[in-house]
Protein backbone atom coordinates (compact mmCIF):
# COMPACT_ATOMS: atom_id res chain seq x y z
CA UNK A 1 170.96 71.05 51.14
CA UNK A 2 168.80 74.23 51.70
CA UNK A 3 169.65 76.71 53.52
CA UNK A 4 167.64 79.44 53.02
CA UNK A 5 164.20 78.46 52.17
CA UNK A 6 162.68 81.99 52.58
CA UNK A 7 160.66 82.92 49.28
CA UNK A 8 161.95 86.29 47.18
CA UNK A 9 160.03 88.04 44.80
CA UNK A 10 161.44 88.02 41.76
CA UNK A 11 160.06 88.27 37.86
CA UNK A 12 159.71 91.89 38.04
CA UNK A 13 157.52 91.73 40.96
CA UNK A 14 158.93 94.37 42.90
CA UNK A 15 158.84 96.79 39.90
CA UNK A 16 155.39 95.93 39.55
CA UNK A 17 154.63 97.02 43.14
CA UNK A 18 156.60 99.93 42.80
CA UNK A 19 154.63 100.64 39.51
CA UNK A 20 151.16 100.52 41.52
CA UNK A 21 152.52 102.26 44.33
CA UNK A 22 153.88 105.43 42.34
CA UNK A 23 150.27 105.32 39.88
CA UNK A 24 147.94 105.36 42.62
CA UNK A 25 150.27 108.20 44.30
CA UNK A 26 150.50 110.36 41.24
CA UNK A 27 146.52 110.34 41.08
CA UNK A 28 146.47 112.12 44.45
CA UNK A 29 148.74 115.29 43.06
CA UNK A 30 147.96 118.34 40.24
CA UNK A 31 149.36 119.09 37.34
CA UNK A 32 152.64 118.37 35.69
CA UNK A 33 153.81 116.29 38.26
CA UNK A 34 151.35 114.06 38.32
CA UNK A 35 152.54 113.33 34.08
CA UNK A 36 156.00 112.90 35.68
CA UNK A 37 155.23 110.34 38.60
CA UNK A 38 153.14 108.45 35.79
CA UNK A 39 155.47 108.10 33.42
CA UNK A 40 158.16 106.85 35.63
CA UNK A 41 155.50 104.36 36.87
CA UNK A 42 155.15 103.11 33.54
CA UNK A 43 158.41 103.24 33.33
CA UNK A 44 159.09 100.42 35.82
CA UNK A 45 157.20 98.19 33.77
CA UNK A 46 159.71 97.79 31.26
CA UNK A 47 161.52 94.78 33.59
CA UNK A 48 158.44 93.17 33.46
CA UNK A 49 157.66 93.23 30.22
CA UNK A 50 161.27 92.49 29.08
CA UNK A 51 161.33 89.33 30.79
CA UNK A 52 158.15 88.31 29.69
CA UNK A 53 159.66 89.08 26.26
CA UNK A 54 162.68 87.03 26.51
CA UNK A 55 160.50 84.22 27.89
CA UNK A 56 158.25 84.30 24.84
CA UNK A 57 154.92 85.23 26.55
CA UNK A 58 152.38 87.75 25.80
CA UNK A 59 154.29 90.71 27.61
CA UNK A 60 150.51 92.51 27.36
CA UNK A 61 148.67 89.47 28.22
CA UNK A 62 151.08 89.00 31.28
CA UNK A 63 151.23 92.80 32.68
CA UNK A 64 147.98 93.17 32.98
CA UNK A 65 147.22 90.01 34.99
CA UNK A 66 150.39 91.19 37.34
CA UNK A 67 148.35 94.35 37.76
CA UNK A 68 145.05 92.50 38.29
CA UNK A 69 146.68 90.64 41.33
CA UNK A 70 149.06 94.01 42.48
CA UNK A 71 145.47 95.63 43.19
CA UNK A 72 144.27 92.79 45.26
CA UNK A 73 146.56 92.12 47.66
CA UNK A 74 148.11 93.80 50.00
CA UNK A 75 152.43 94.72 49.33
CA UNK A 76 154.53 91.91 48.82
CA UNK A 77 151.69 89.36 48.56
CA UNK A 78 151.33 89.00 45.07
CA UNK A 79 152.45 85.94 44.00
């Protein structure tokens, strides 16, 4: 029997949301810090990219769809 029917985000959803947040934040600050935060945001996408590759999916296509989905809904609602 199922004891807990809560849905937990997986498949790199948390990393994609953090990446989006950091990209948005990096656009609000000047100089080298903007580049550093943007690079960190990009690095977080390695996890969902690797999951796509391991599953045999086109990672670029899937990540573009994930970015679009995370951009149109509020935090924790992309699914």
